Amino acid sequence: MPPKKAKGKKGKKKKKKNDAELELEDKYKKTMDEIEALKDHLAVRKQYARRAQSATVDYRERMQHIEEELDIQKADQKMVNADMTRQYKTMQTEMGLRIHHLESELTRTRQRLAQTEADLKTTTEDRDRIQKDKDEQVTALNLRISQMERSYEGVLHDALNSLLEKLDLAMVNWEQSSNKIQSKNKQVLLEFGLNPLDI
C-alpha cells in the first residue's frame, strides 16, 4: 500500500518523496512484472526442457530398441548369408559332381557310339561281302545251270535221236518180222486152201 501524502512543506517534500516512491514503486512493479514474466518464461522453458528430456529419453529408448533390432537383423542377415553361402557351395559341389558324371557318361556314350558305328561298318562290309559272294555264287550257279541245261539238252537230243533211230530200226525190224509172219500165215492159209483175202 502506498504511503500517505503530507500537507504543506512537508507536502512538497512528501510530494517529492512520493514521486520517488512512485517511481520506485513503478520500477518495483515493472521489475516484479519482469520477474513474473521471467518466471513464466522460465516455467515454459522448464516445461520445454522436461518435454525435451522426456523426448530424449523416449528417443534414447527407441534408439536402443532400434539398435537391438538392427543387431538382431545383422545377426539374422549374417546367418542367412552363411546359410546361402553354404547352400551355394553345396550346390556348386553338386553341380561339379553332376557335370563330372555327365561328362563321364557323355564320354562313355561317345565310345559306345564309336564302337556301334565301327560294328555297323563291319556288319555293313560283311553284309556287302556276303551279298557279293552270294551274287557271285548265284551267277556261277546260273552259268553252271545254263551249261548243265545245254549239256542235258545235248544228252536228251542224243538220247532221243538214239531212241528214234532204235524205234526206226525196231519198226523196220517189226515191219520185216510182221511181213514175214504175214507171208508165212498166207502160205499156211494157202496150204490149207484158204484165200487170205476172204478172211
N, C-alpha and C. Protein backbone atom coordinates (compact mmCIF):
# COMPACT_ATOMS: atom_id res chain seq x y z
N MET A 1 0.81 -1.16 0.00
CA MET A 1 0.00 0.00 0.00
C MET A 1 0.86 1.23 0.00
N PRO A 2 0.47 2.25 -0.80
CA PRO A 2 1.32 3.43 -0.91
C PRO A 2 1.25 4.28 0.38
N PRO A 3 2.28 5.04 0.71
CA PRO A 3 2.30 5.90 1.91
C PRO A 3 1.38 7.10 1.74
N LYS A 4 0.94 7.62 2.87
CA LYS A 4 0.03 8.76 2.87
C LYS A 4 0.77 10.01 2.53
N LYS A 5 0.00 10.97 1.91
CA LYS A 5 0.62 12.22 1.48
C LYS A 5 0.56 13.23 2.63
N ALA A 6 1.60 14.00 2.86
CA ALA A 6 1.66 15.05 3.90
C ALA A 6 1.27 16.38 3.31
N LYS A 7 0.80 17.31 4.14
CA LYS A 7 0.33 18.61 3.67
C LYS A 7 1.42 19.65 3.92
N GLY A 8 1.42 20.72 3.15
CA GLY A 8 2.32 21.89 3.34
C GLY A 8 3.69 21.56 2.86
N LYS A 9 4.69 22.12 3.72
CA LYS A 9 6.08 21.89 3.36
C LYS A 9 6.39 20.43 3.33
N LYS A 10 5.85 19.93 4.36
CA LYS A 10 6.06 18.50 4.39
C LYS A 10 5.44 17.91 3.14
N GLY A 11 4.38 18.54 2.66
CA GLY A 11 3.70 18.03 1.48
C GLY A 11 4.57 18.07 0.28
N LYS A 12 5.39 19.16 0.16
CA LYS A 12 6.27 19.23 -1.00
C LYS A 12 7.33 18.15 -0.92
N LYS A 13 7.86 18.07 0.33
CA LYS A 13 8.88 17.03 0.50
C LYS A 13 8.25 15.68 0.26
N LYS A 14 7.05 15.59 0.81
CA LYS A 14 6.38 14.33 0.64
C LYS A 14 6.06 14.09 -0.82
N LYS A 15 5.74 15.16 -1.54
CA LYS A 15 5.41 15.02 -2.95
C LYS A 15 6.63 14.52 -3.70
N LYS A 16 7.77 15.14 -3.33
CA LYS A 16 9.00 14.69 -3.98
C LYS A 16 9.28 13.26 -3.59
N LYS A 17 8.99 13.03 -2.30
CA LYS A 17 9.23 11.69 -1.81
C LYS A 17 8.26 10.74 -2.48
N ASN A 18 7.04 11.15 -2.63
CA ASN A 18 6.02 10.31 -3.26
C ASN A 18 6.37 10.05 -4.72
N ASP A 19 6.87 11.07 -5.37
CA ASP A 19 7.27 10.86 -6.77
C ASP A 19 8.38 9.82 -6.85
N ALA A 20 9.29 9.96 -5.90
CA ALA A 20 10.39 9.00 -5.89
C ALA A 20 9.87 7.63 -5.54
N GLU A 21 8.96 7.65 -4.55
CA GLU A 21 8.38 6.37 -4.16
C GLU A 21 7.57 5.78 -5.30
N LEU A 22 6.81 6.65 -5.99
CA LEU A 22 6.03 6.18 -7.13
C LEU A 22 6.95 5.63 -8.22
N GLU A 23 7.97 6.39 -8.40
CA GLU A 23 8.92 5.94 -9.42
C GLU A 23 9.54 4.61 -9.01
N LEU A 24 9.87 4.55 -7.74
CA LEU A 24 10.46 3.32 -7.22
C LEU A 24 9.44 2.20 -7.27
N GLU A 25 8.23 2.56 -6.89
CA GLU A 25 7.15 1.57 -6.93
C GLU A 25 6.91 1.09 -8.36
N ASP A 26 6.93 2.03 -9.29
CA ASP A 26 6.75 1.65 -10.70
C ASP A 26 7.88 0.71 -11.14
N LYS A 27 9.08 1.10 -10.72
CA LYS A 27 10.23 0.26 -11.06
C LYS A 27 10.07 -1.12 -10.43
N TYR A 28 9.60 -1.06 -9.13
CA TYR A 28 9.40 -2.32 -8.42
C TYR A 28 8.37 -3.18 -9.14
N LYS A 29 7.23 -2.54 -9.52
CA LYS A 29 6.17 -3.25 -10.24
C LYS A 29 6.70 -3.78 -11.57
N LYS A 30 7.42 -2.88 -12.21
CA LYS A 30 7.98 -3.28 -13.51
C LYS A 30 8.93 -4.45 -13.33
N THR A 31 9.75 -4.35 -12.28
CA THR A 31 10.70 -5.41 -12.01
C THR A 31 9.96 -6.70 -11.67
N MET A 32 8.90 -6.50 -10.79
CA MET A 32 8.11 -7.68 -10.41
C MET A 32 7.43 -8.28 -11.65
N ASP A 33 6.91 -7.40 -12.53
CA ASP A 33 6.30 -7.90 -13.77
C ASP A 33 7.33 -8.66 -14.62
N GLU A 34 8.53 -8.06 -14.67
CA GLU A 34 9.59 -8.71 -15.43
C GLU A 34 9.97 -10.06 -14.81
N ILE A 35 10.02 -10.01 -13.43
CA ILE A 35 10.34 -11.25 -12.71
C ILE A 35 9.26 -12.30 -13.00
N GLU A 36 7.99 -11.86 -12.92
CA GLU A 36 6.88 -12.78 -13.20
C GLU A 36 6.97 -13.31 -14.65
N ALA A 37 7.27 -12.35 -15.54
CA ALA A 37 7.40 -12.75 -16.94
C ALA A 37 8.55 -13.74 -17.10
N LEU A 38 9.66 -13.42 -16.38
CA LEU A 38 10.81 -14.33 -16.44
C LEU A 38 10.47 -15.68 -15.82
N LYS A 39 9.71 -15.63 -14.68
CA LYS A 39 9.29 -16.89 -14.05
C LYS A 39 8.43 -17.70 -15.02
N ASP A 40 7.46 -16.96 -15.65
CA ASP A 40 6.61 -17.66 -16.62
C ASP A 40 7.46 -18.24 -17.77
N HIS A 41 8.37 -17.38 -18.23
CA HIS A 41 9.26 -17.81 -19.32
C HIS A 41 10.10 -19.01 -18.87
N LEU A 42 10.60 -18.90 -17.59
CA LEU A 42 11.41 -19.99 -17.04
C LEU A 42 10.55 -21.25 -16.90
N ALA A 43 9.28 -21.06 -16.45
CA ALA A 43 8.39 -22.22 -16.31
C ALA A 43 8.16 -22.87 -17.68
N VAL A 44 7.93 -21.98 -18.69
CA VAL A 44 7.75 -22.51 -20.05
C VAL A 44 9.01 -23.22 -20.50
N ARG A 45 10.16 -22.60 -20.19
CA ARG A 45 11.44 -23.22 -20.58
C ARG A 45 11.64 -24.56 -19.86
N LYS A 46 11.28 -24.56 -18.55
CA LYS A 46 11.40 -25.82 -17.79
C LYS A 46 10.50 -26.89 -18.40
N GLN A 47 9.27 -26.44 -18.77
CA GLN A 47 8.32 -27.39 -19.39
C GLN A 47 8.90 -27.92 -20.71
N TYR A 48 9.47 -26.99 -21.51
CA TYR A 48 10.12 -27.44 -22.77
C TYR A 48 11.29 -28.37 -22.47
N ALA A 49 12.05 -27.98 -21.40
CA ALA A 49 13.22 -28.80 -21.05
C ALA A 49 12.77 -30.19 -20.62
N ARG A 50 11.67 -30.24 -19.77
CA ARG A 50 11.15 -31.53 -19.34
C ARG A 50 10.68 -32.35 -20.55
N ARG A 51 9.93 -31.66 -21.44
CA ARG A 51 9.45 -32.35 -22.65
C ARG A 51 10.63 -32.86 -23.49
N ALA A 52 11.64 -31.96 -23.61
CA ALA A 52 12.81 -32.34 -24.40
C ALA A 52 13.54 -33.50 -23.75
N GLN A 53 13.63 -33.44 -22.38
CA GLN A 53 14.29 -34.51 -21.67
C GLN A 53 13.50 -35.82 -21.83
N SER A 54 12.16 -35.69 -21.69
CA SER A 54 11.30 -36.87 -21.86
C SER A 54 11.43 -37.42 -23.29
N ALA A 55 11.42 -36.47 -24.25
CA ALA A 55 11.57 -36.89 -25.65
C ALA A 55 12.94 -37.53 -25.86
N THR A 56 13.97 -36.96 -25.20
CA THR A 56 15.32 -37.52 -25.31
C THR A 56 15.34 -38.94 -24.77
N VAL A 57 14.70 -39.13 -23.60
CA VAL A 57 14.64 -40.47 -23.01
C VAL A 57 13.90 -41.41 -23.96
N ASP A 58 12.75 -40.92 -24.51
CA ASP A 58 12.00 -41.75 -25.46
C ASP A 58 12.84 -42.10 -26.68
N TYR A 59 13.52 -41.04 -27.19
CA TYR A 59 14.36 -41.27 -28.37
C TYR A 59 15.51 -42.21 -28.06
N ARG A 60 16.07 -42.06 -26.84
CA ARG A 60 17.16 -42.97 -26.46
C ARG A 60 16.64 -44.41 -26.39
N GLU A 61 15.45 -44.56 -25.77
CA GLU A 61 14.87 -45.90 -25.68
C GLU A 61 14.57 -46.45 -27.08
N ARG A 62 13.97 -45.61 -27.92
CA ARG A 62 13.68 -46.04 -29.30
C ARG A 62 14.98 -46.37 -30.05
N MET A 63 15.99 -45.51 -29.82
CA MET A 63 17.28 -45.72 -30.48
C MET A 63 17.89 -47.04 -30.02
N GLN A 64 17.80 -47.31 -28.69
CA GLN A 64 18.32 -48.55 -28.16
C GLN A 64 17.55 -49.74 -28.74
N HIS A 65 16.23 -49.59 -28.78
CA HIS A 65 15.37 -50.64 -29.35
C HIS A 65 15.72 -50.87 -30.82
N ILE A 66 15.89 -49.76 -31.56
CA ILE A 66 16.25 -49.86 -32.98
C ILE A 66 17.63 -50.50 -33.14
N GLU A 67 18.58 -50.12 -32.26
CA GLU A 67 19.92 -50.72 -32.33
C GLU A 67 19.85 -52.22 -32.05
N GLU A 68 19.01 -52.61 -31.04
CA GLU A 68 18.85 -54.03 -30.75
C GLU A 68 18.26 -54.76 -31.96
N GLU A 69 17.20 -54.15 -32.55
CA GLU A 69 16.59 -54.76 -33.75
C GLU A 69 17.61 -54.84 -34.88
N LEU A 70 18.42 -53.77 -35.01
CA LEU A 70 19.45 -53.76 -36.06
C LEU A 70 20.47 -54.86 -35.82
N ASP A 71 20.87 -55.03 -34.53
CA ASP A 71 21.81 -56.12 -34.20
C ASP A 71 21.21 -57.48 -34.53
N ILE A 72 19.90 -57.63 -34.16
CA ILE A 72 19.21 -58.90 -34.47
C ILE A 72 19.15 -59.12 -35.98
N GLN A 73 18.82 -58.02 -36.69
CA GLN A 73 18.73 -58.10 -38.15
C GLN A 73 20.09 -58.42 -38.76
N LYS A 74 21.15 -57.78 -38.18
CA LYS A 74 22.50 -58.08 -38.69
C LYS A 74 22.86 -59.53 -38.44
N ALA A 75 22.51 -60.03 -37.22
CA ALA A 75 22.79 -61.43 -36.91
C ALA A 75 22.01 -62.35 -37.84
N ASP A 76 20.70 -62.00 -38.06
CA ASP A 76 19.88 -62.81 -38.99
C ASP A 76 20.48 -62.78 -40.40
N GLN A 77 20.88 -61.57 -40.82
CA GLN A 77 21.46 -61.43 -42.17
C GLN A 77 22.76 -62.23 -42.27
N LYS A 78 23.53 -62.19 -41.18
CA LYS A 78 24.79 -62.95 -41.17
C LYS A 78 24.49 -64.45 -41.28
N MET A 79 23.45 -64.91 -40.53
CA MET A 79 23.06 -66.32 -40.60
C MET A 79 22.55 -66.67 -41.99
N VAL A 80 21.72 -65.76 -42.55
CA VAL A 80 21.18 -66.01 -43.90
C VAL A 80 22.32 -66.06 -44.90
N ASN A 81 23.28 -65.10 -44.79
CA ASN A 81 24.43 -65.09 -45.70
C ASN A 81 25.25 -66.37 -45.56
N ALA A 82 25.45 -66.80 -44.29
CA ALA A 82 26.22 -68.03 -44.07
C ALA A 82 25.48 -69.23 -44.66
N ASP A 83 24.15 -69.26 -44.45
CA ASP A 83 23.34 -70.37 -44.98
C ASP A 83 23.35 -70.35 -46.51
N MET A 84 23.20 -69.14 -47.08
CA MET A 84 23.21 -69.04 -48.54
C MET A 84 24.58 -69.43 -49.10
N THR A 85 25.65 -69.02 -48.40
CA THR A 85 27.00 -69.40 -48.84
C THR A 85 27.16 -70.92 -48.80
N ARG A 86 26.66 -71.52 -47.68
CA ARG A 86 26.74 -72.97 -47.55
C ARG A 86 25.93 -73.66 -48.66
N GLN A 87 24.70 -73.14 -48.88
CA GLN A 87 23.86 -73.72 -49.94
C GLN A 87 24.53 -73.55 -51.31
N TYR A 88 25.13 -72.37 -51.54
CA TYR A 88 25.80 -72.12 -52.83
C TYR A 88 26.96 -73.08 -53.01
N LYS A 89 27.76 -73.26 -51.92
CA LYS A 89 28.90 -74.17 -52.03
C LYS A 89 28.42 -75.61 -52.25
N THR A 90 27.35 -75.99 -51.53
CA THR A 90 26.78 -77.33 -51.71
C THR A 90 26.29 -77.51 -53.14
N MET A 91 25.55 -76.48 -53.63
CA MET A 91 25.03 -76.55 -54.99
C MET A 91 26.17 -76.59 -56.00
N GLN A 92 27.22 -75.79 -55.73
CA GLN A 92 28.37 -75.77 -56.64
C GLN A 92 29.04 -77.15 -56.67
N THR A 93 29.18 -77.76 -55.47
CA THR A 93 29.78 -79.09 -55.40
C THR A 93 28.92 -80.11 -56.14
N GLU A 94 27.58 -80.04 -55.88
CA GLU A 94 26.67 -80.96 -56.56
C GLU A 94 26.71 -80.76 -58.07
N MET A 95 26.74 -79.48 -58.50
CA MET A 95 26.81 -79.20 -59.94
C MET A 95 28.12 -79.72 -60.52
N GLY A 96 29.22 -79.55 -59.77
CA GLY A 96 30.51 -80.07 -60.24
C GLY A 96 30.47 -81.58 -60.40
N LEU A 97 29.89 -82.26 -59.37
CA LEU A 97 29.76 -83.72 -59.46
C LEU A 97 28.86 -84.12 -60.62
N ARG A 98 27.74 -83.40 -60.76
CA ARG A 98 26.80 -83.72 -61.86
C ARG A 98 27.47 -83.50 -63.22
N ILE A 99 28.20 -82.38 -63.34
CA ILE A 99 28.92 -82.10 -64.61
C ILE A 99 29.93 -83.22 -64.88
N HIS A 100 30.68 -83.61 -63.82
CA HIS A 100 31.66 -84.68 -63.99
C HIS A 100 30.97 -85.98 -64.41
N HIS A 101 29.85 -86.29 -63.73
CA HIS A 101 29.07 -87.51 -64.06
C HIS A 101 28.57 -87.45 -65.50
N LEU A 102 28.02 -86.29 -65.89
CA LEU A 102 27.50 -86.16 -67.26
C LEU A 102 28.62 -86.23 -68.29
N GLU A 103 29.78 -85.63 -67.96
CA GLU A 103 30.92 -85.70 -68.90
C GLU A 103 31.39 -87.15 -69.04
N SER A 104 31.44 -87.88 -67.89
CA SER A 104 31.84 -89.30 -67.95
C SER A 104 30.84 -90.09 -68.79
N GLU A 105 29.55 -89.82 -68.54
CA GLU A 105 28.51 -90.53 -69.30
C GLU A 105 28.58 -90.18 -70.78
N LEU A 106 28.85 -88.89 -71.08
CA LEU A 106 29.00 -88.47 -72.48
C LEU A 106 30.18 -89.18 -73.13
N THR A 107 31.30 -89.29 -72.39
CA THR A 107 32.48 -89.98 -72.93
C THR A 107 32.14 -91.45 -73.21
N ARG A 108 31.45 -92.10 -72.22
CA ARG A 108 31.07 -93.50 -72.43
C ARG A 108 30.12 -93.64 -73.60
N THR A 109 29.17 -92.71 -73.70
CA THR A 109 28.20 -92.76 -74.80
C THR A 109 28.91 -92.57 -76.14
N ARG A 110 29.86 -91.63 -76.17
CA ARG A 110 30.63 -91.42 -77.42
C ARG A 110 31.42 -92.66 -77.79
N GLN A 111 32.03 -93.31 -76.76
CA GLN A 111 32.78 -94.53 -77.02
C GLN A 111 31.86 -95.64 -77.56
N ARG A 112 30.66 -95.76 -76.89
CA ARG A 112 29.69 -96.76 -77.37
C ARG A 112 29.23 -96.44 -78.79
N LEU A 113 29.01 -95.13 -79.05
CA LEU A 113 28.60 -94.72 -80.40
C LEU A 113 29.69 -95.06 -81.42
N ALA A 114 30.95 -94.76 -81.05
CA ALA A 114 32.05 -95.08 -81.96
C ALA A 114 32.14 -96.59 -82.20
N GLN A 115 31.98 -97.37 -81.09
CA GLN A 115 32.00 -98.83 -81.21
C GLN A 115 30.84 -99.33 -82.08
N THR A 116 29.66 -98.74 -81.83
CA THR A 116 28.48 -99.13 -82.61
C THR A 116 28.66 -98.79 -84.09
N GLU A 117 29.22 -97.59 -84.35
CA GLU A 117 29.48 -97.20 -85.74
C GLU A 117 30.48 -98.14 -86.39
N ALA A 118 31.54 -98.52 -85.61
CA ALA A 118 32.54 -99.46 -86.15
C ALA A 118 31.88 -100.81 -86.42
N ASP A 119 31.05 -101.26 -85.44
CA ASP A 119 30.33 -102.54 -85.63
C ASP A 119 29.41 -102.46 -86.84
N LEU A 120 28.71 -101.34 -86.97
CA LEU A 120 27.80 -101.16 -88.10
C LEU A 120 28.59 -101.19 -89.41
N LYS A 121 29.75 -100.51 -89.41
CA LYS A 121 30.57 -100.50 -90.62
C LYS A 121 31.04 -101.92 -90.97
N THR A 122 31.49 -102.64 -89.90
CA THR A 122 31.94 -104.02 -90.12
C THR A 122 30.79 -104.89 -90.61
N THR A 123 29.63 -104.72 -89.95
CA THR A 123 28.45 -105.51 -90.34
C THR A 123 28.04 -105.19 -91.78
N THR A 124 28.07 -103.88 -92.11
CA THR A 124 27.72 -103.48 -93.48
C THR A 124 28.71 -104.06 -94.48
N GLU A 125 30.01 -103.99 -94.12
CA GLU A 125 31.03 -104.56 -95.02
C GLU A 125 30.83 -106.07 -95.16
N ASP A 126 30.57 -106.75 -94.01
CA ASP A 126 30.33 -108.20 -94.05
C ASP A 126 29.11 -108.51 -94.91
N ARG A 127 28.03 -107.74 -94.69
CA ARG A 127 26.80 -107.97 -95.46
C ARG A 127 27.07 -107.76 -96.96
N ASP A 128 27.81 -106.66 -97.28
CA ASP A 128 28.12 -106.40 -98.68
C ASP A 128 28.98 -107.52 -99.27
N ARG A 129 29.96 -107.97 -98.45
CA ARG A 129 30.83 -109.06 -98.92
C ARG A 129 30.02 -110.34 -99.12
N ILE A 130 29.14 -110.65 -98.12
CA ILE A 130 28.30 -111.85 -98.23
C ILE A 130 27.37 -111.74 -99.43
N GLN A 131 26.79 -110.52 -99.60
CA GLN A 131 25.90 -110.31 -100.75
C GLN A 131 26.67 -110.48 -102.05
N LYS A 132 27.89 -109.94 -102.08
CA LYS A 132 28.72 -110.07 -103.29
C LYS A 132 29.04 -111.54 -103.55
N ASP A 133 29.42 -112.27 -102.45
CA ASP A 133 29.72 -113.70 -102.59
C ASP A 133 28.49 -114.46 -103.09
N LYS A 134 27.31 -114.12 -102.50
CA LYS A 134 26.08 -114.79 -102.93
C LYS A 134 25.77 -114.48 -104.39
N ASP A 135 25.95 -113.18 -104.73
CA ASP A 135 25.72 -112.81 -106.14
C ASP A 135 26.66 -113.58 -107.06
N GLU A 136 27.93 -113.69 -106.64
CA GLU A 136 28.90 -114.42 -107.46
C GLU A 136 28.50 -115.90 -107.54
N GLN A 137 28.06 -116.46 -106.35
CA GLN A 137 27.64 -117.86 -106.35
C GLN A 137 26.41 -118.06 -107.24
N VAL A 138 25.45 -117.12 -107.13
CA VAL A 138 24.25 -117.22 -107.96
C VAL A 138 24.63 -117.14 -109.44
N THR A 139 25.51 -116.19 -109.76
CA THR A 139 25.97 -116.06 -111.15
C THR A 139 26.65 -117.35 -111.60
N ALA A 140 27.53 -117.89 -110.75
CA ALA A 140 28.23 -119.14 -111.09
C ALA A 140 27.23 -120.28 -111.25
N LEU A 141 26.27 -120.35 -110.28
CA LEU A 141 25.27 -121.41 -110.37
C LEU A 141 24.40 -121.26 -111.62
N ASN A 142 24.01 -120.02 -111.92
CA ASN A 142 23.23 -119.79 -113.14
C ASN A 142 24.02 -120.22 -114.37
N LEU A 143 25.31 -119.87 -114.38
CA LEU A 143 26.17 -120.27 -115.51
C LEU A 143 26.26 -121.80 -115.58
N ARG A 144 26.44 -122.41 -114.39
CA ARG A 144 26.53 -123.87 -114.36
C ARG A 144 25.22 -124.52 -114.81
N ILE A 145 24.10 -123.93 -114.29
CA ILE A 145 22.78 -124.45 -114.70
C ILE A 145 22.62 -124.33 -116.21
N SER A 146 23.05 -123.16 -116.71
CA SER A 146 22.98 -122.93 -118.16
C SER A 146 23.79 -123.99 -118.90
N GLN A 147 25.01 -124.21 -118.39
CA GLN A 147 25.87 -125.21 -119.02
C GLN A 147 25.24 -126.61 -118.90
N MET A 148 24.68 -126.87 -117.70
CA MET A 148 24.06 -128.18 -117.49
C MET A 148 22.83 -128.34 -118.38
N GLU A 149 22.06 -127.24 -118.52
CA GLU A 149 20.89 -127.29 -119.40
C GLU A 149 21.33 -127.64 -120.83
N ARG A 150 22.37 -126.92 -121.28
CA ARG A 150 22.87 -127.20 -122.63
C ARG A 150 23.38 -128.63 -122.73
N SER A 151 24.09 -129.06 -121.66
CA SER A 151 24.64 -130.41 -121.65
C SER A 151 23.51 -131.44 -121.65
N TYR A 152 22.50 -131.22 -120.75
CA TYR A 152 21.37 -132.16 -120.70
C TYR A 152 20.56 -132.10 -121.99
N GLU A 153 20.48 -130.90 -122.53
CA GLU A 153 19.75 -130.77 -123.80
C GLU A 153 20.45 -131.60 -124.88
N GLY A 154 21.78 -131.48 -124.89
CA GLY A 154 22.54 -132.30 -125.86
C GLY A 154 22.35 -133.78 -125.60
N VAL A 155 22.43 -134.17 -124.28
CA VAL A 155 22.27 -135.58 -123.92
C VAL A 155 20.89 -136.05 -124.32
N LEU A 156 19.85 -135.21 -124.01
CA LEU A 156 18.48 -135.58 -124.33
C LEU A 156 18.32 -135.70 -125.85
N HIS A 157 18.88 -134.74 -126.58
CA HIS A 157 18.79 -134.81 -128.06
C HIS A 157 19.45 -136.10 -128.55
N ASP A 158 20.64 -136.33 -127.99
CA ASP A 158 21.35 -137.55 -128.40
C ASP A 158 20.53 -138.79 -128.05
N ALA A 159 19.98 -138.79 -126.77
CA ALA A 159 19.20 -139.96 -126.34
C ALA A 159 17.95 -140.11 -127.19
N LEU A 160 17.25 -138.97 -127.46
CA LEU A 160 16.05 -139.05 -128.29
C LEU A 160 16.39 -139.48 -129.71
N ASN A 161 17.45 -138.91 -130.25
CA ASN A 161 17.87 -139.31 -131.60
C ASN A 161 18.19 -140.82 -131.64
N SER A 162 18.89 -141.24 -130.56
CA SER A 162 19.25 -142.65 -130.49
C SER A 162 18.00 -143.49 -130.36
N LEU A 163 17.04 -143.01 -129.51
CA LEU A 163 15.78 -143.72 -129.31
C LEU A 163 15.00 -143.77 -130.62
N LEU A 164 14.97 -142.61 -131.33
CA LEU A 164 14.26 -142.58 -132.61
C LEU A 164 14.91 -143.56 -133.61
N GLU A 165 16.23 -143.55 -133.61
CA GLU A 165 16.92 -144.47 -134.51
C GLU A 165 16.56 -145.92 -134.16
N LYS A 166 16.58 -146.21 -132.84
CA LYS A 166 16.25 -147.56 -132.39
C LYS A 166 14.81 -147.90 -132.74
N LEU A 167 13.90 -146.86 -132.52
CA LEU A 167 12.49 -147.09 -132.86
C LEU A 167 12.34 -147.33 -134.36
N ASP A 168 13.06 -146.49 -135.13
CA ASP A 168 13.00 -146.69 -136.59
C ASP A 168 13.52 -148.09 -136.96
N LEU A 169 14.60 -148.45 -136.34
CA LEU A 169 15.18 -149.77 -136.61
C LEU A 169 14.22 -150.88 -136.16
N ALA A 170 13.64 -150.66 -134.95
CA ALA A 170 12.71 -151.66 -134.43
C ALA A 170 11.48 -151.72 -135.32
N MET A 171 11.05 -150.56 -135.83
CA MET A 171 9.89 -150.52 -136.70
C MET A 171 10.19 -151.25 -138.01
N VAL A 172 11.37 -150.96 -138.50
CA VAL A 172 11.77 -151.66 -139.73
C VAL A 172 11.82 -153.17 -139.46
N ASN A 173 12.43 -153.55 -138.35
CA ASN A 173 12.52 -154.96 -137.98
C ASN A 173 11.13 -155.52 -137.73
N TRP A 174 10.31 -154.75 -137.07
CA TRP A 174 8.95 -155.22 -136.78
C TRP A 174 8.17 -155.39 -138.08
N GLU A 175 8.34 -154.36 -138.97
CA GLU A 175 7.63 -154.49 -140.27
C GLU A 175 8.16 -155.72 -141.05
N GLN A 176 9.45 -155.88 -141.00
CA GLN A 176 10.01 -157.04 -141.70
C GLN A 176 9.50 -158.34 -141.05
N SER A 177 9.53 -158.32 -139.72
CA SER A 177 9.06 -159.50 -139.00
C SER A 177 7.59 -159.71 -139.25
N SER A 178 6.84 -158.61 -139.25
CA SER A 178 5.40 -158.67 -139.49
C SER A 178 5.13 -159.17 -140.92
N ASN A 179 5.89 -158.65 -141.88
CA ASN A 179 5.72 -159.10 -143.26
C ASN A 179 6.06 -160.60 -143.38
N LYS A 180 7.09 -161.03 -142.69
CA LYS A 180 7.48 -162.43 -142.71
C LYS A 180 6.36 -163.29 -142.13
N ILE A 181 5.82 -162.81 -140.99
CA ILE A 181 4.75 -163.57 -140.34
C ILE A 181 3.54 -163.60 -141.26
N GLN A 182 3.21 -162.43 -141.86
CA GLN A 182 2.05 -162.38 -142.76
C GLN A 182 2.28 -163.32 -143.97
N SER A 183 3.48 -163.27 -144.48
CA SER A 183 3.78 -164.17 -145.62
C SER A 183 3.67 -165.63 -145.19
N LYS A 184 4.18 -165.91 -144.03
CA LYS A 184 4.13 -167.26 -143.52
C LYS A 184 2.69 -167.66 -143.30
N ASN A 185 1.91 -166.77 -142.72
CA ASN A 185 0.49 -167.07 -142.47
C ASN A 185 -0.24 -167.24 -143.80
N LYS A 186 0.09 -166.42 -144.78
CA LYS A 186 -0.54 -166.56 -146.10
C LYS A 186 -0.20 -167.92 -146.68
N GLN A 187 1.02 -168.29 -146.55
CA GLN A 187 1.48 -169.56 -147.08
C GLN A 187 0.76 -170.71 -146.42
N VAL A 188 0.62 -170.60 -145.09
CA VAL A 188 -0.05 -171.64 -144.34
C VAL A 188 -1.51 -171.67 -144.76
N LEU A 189 -2.14 -170.53 -144.92
CA LEU A 189 -3.56 -170.46 -145.31
C LEU A 189 -3.72 -171.01 -146.74
N LEU A 190 -2.80 -170.69 -147.59
CA LEU A 190 -2.88 -171.19 -148.96
C LEU A 190 -2.69 -172.70 -148.95
N GLU A 191 -1.86 -173.19 -148.08
CA GLU A 191 -1.64 -174.63 -147.99
C GLU A 191 -2.92 -175.31 -147.53
N PHE A 192 -3.69 -174.64 -146.71
CA PHE A 192 -4.95 -175.20 -146.25
C PHE A 192 -6.07 -174.90 -147.25
N GLY A 193 -5.76 -174.22 -148.28
CA GLY A 193 -6.73 -173.95 -149.31
C GLY A 193 -7.59 -172.74 -148.98
N LEU A 194 -7.18 -171.97 -148.19
CA LEU A 194 -7.98 -170.79 -147.82
C LEU A 194 -7.38 -169.57 -148.52
N ASN A 195 -8.27 -168.69 -148.91
CA ASN A 195 -7.80 -167.45 -149.51
C ASN A 195 -7.65 -166.41 -148.41
N PRO A 196 -6.48 -165.87 -148.26
CA PRO A 196 -6.26 -164.92 -147.17
C PRO A 196 -7.07 -163.65 -147.37
N LEU A 197 -7.47 -163.31 -148.55
CA LEU A 197 -8.25 -162.10 -148.78
C LEU A 197 -9.67 -162.27 -148.31
N ASP A 198 -10.18 -163.46 -148.19
CA ASP A 198 -11.54 -163.73 -147.71
C ASP A 198 -11.61 -163.58 -146.19
N ILE A 199 -10.60 -163.72 -145.55
CA ILE A 199 -10.61 -163.70 -144.08
C ILE A 199 -10.64 -162.27 -143.60
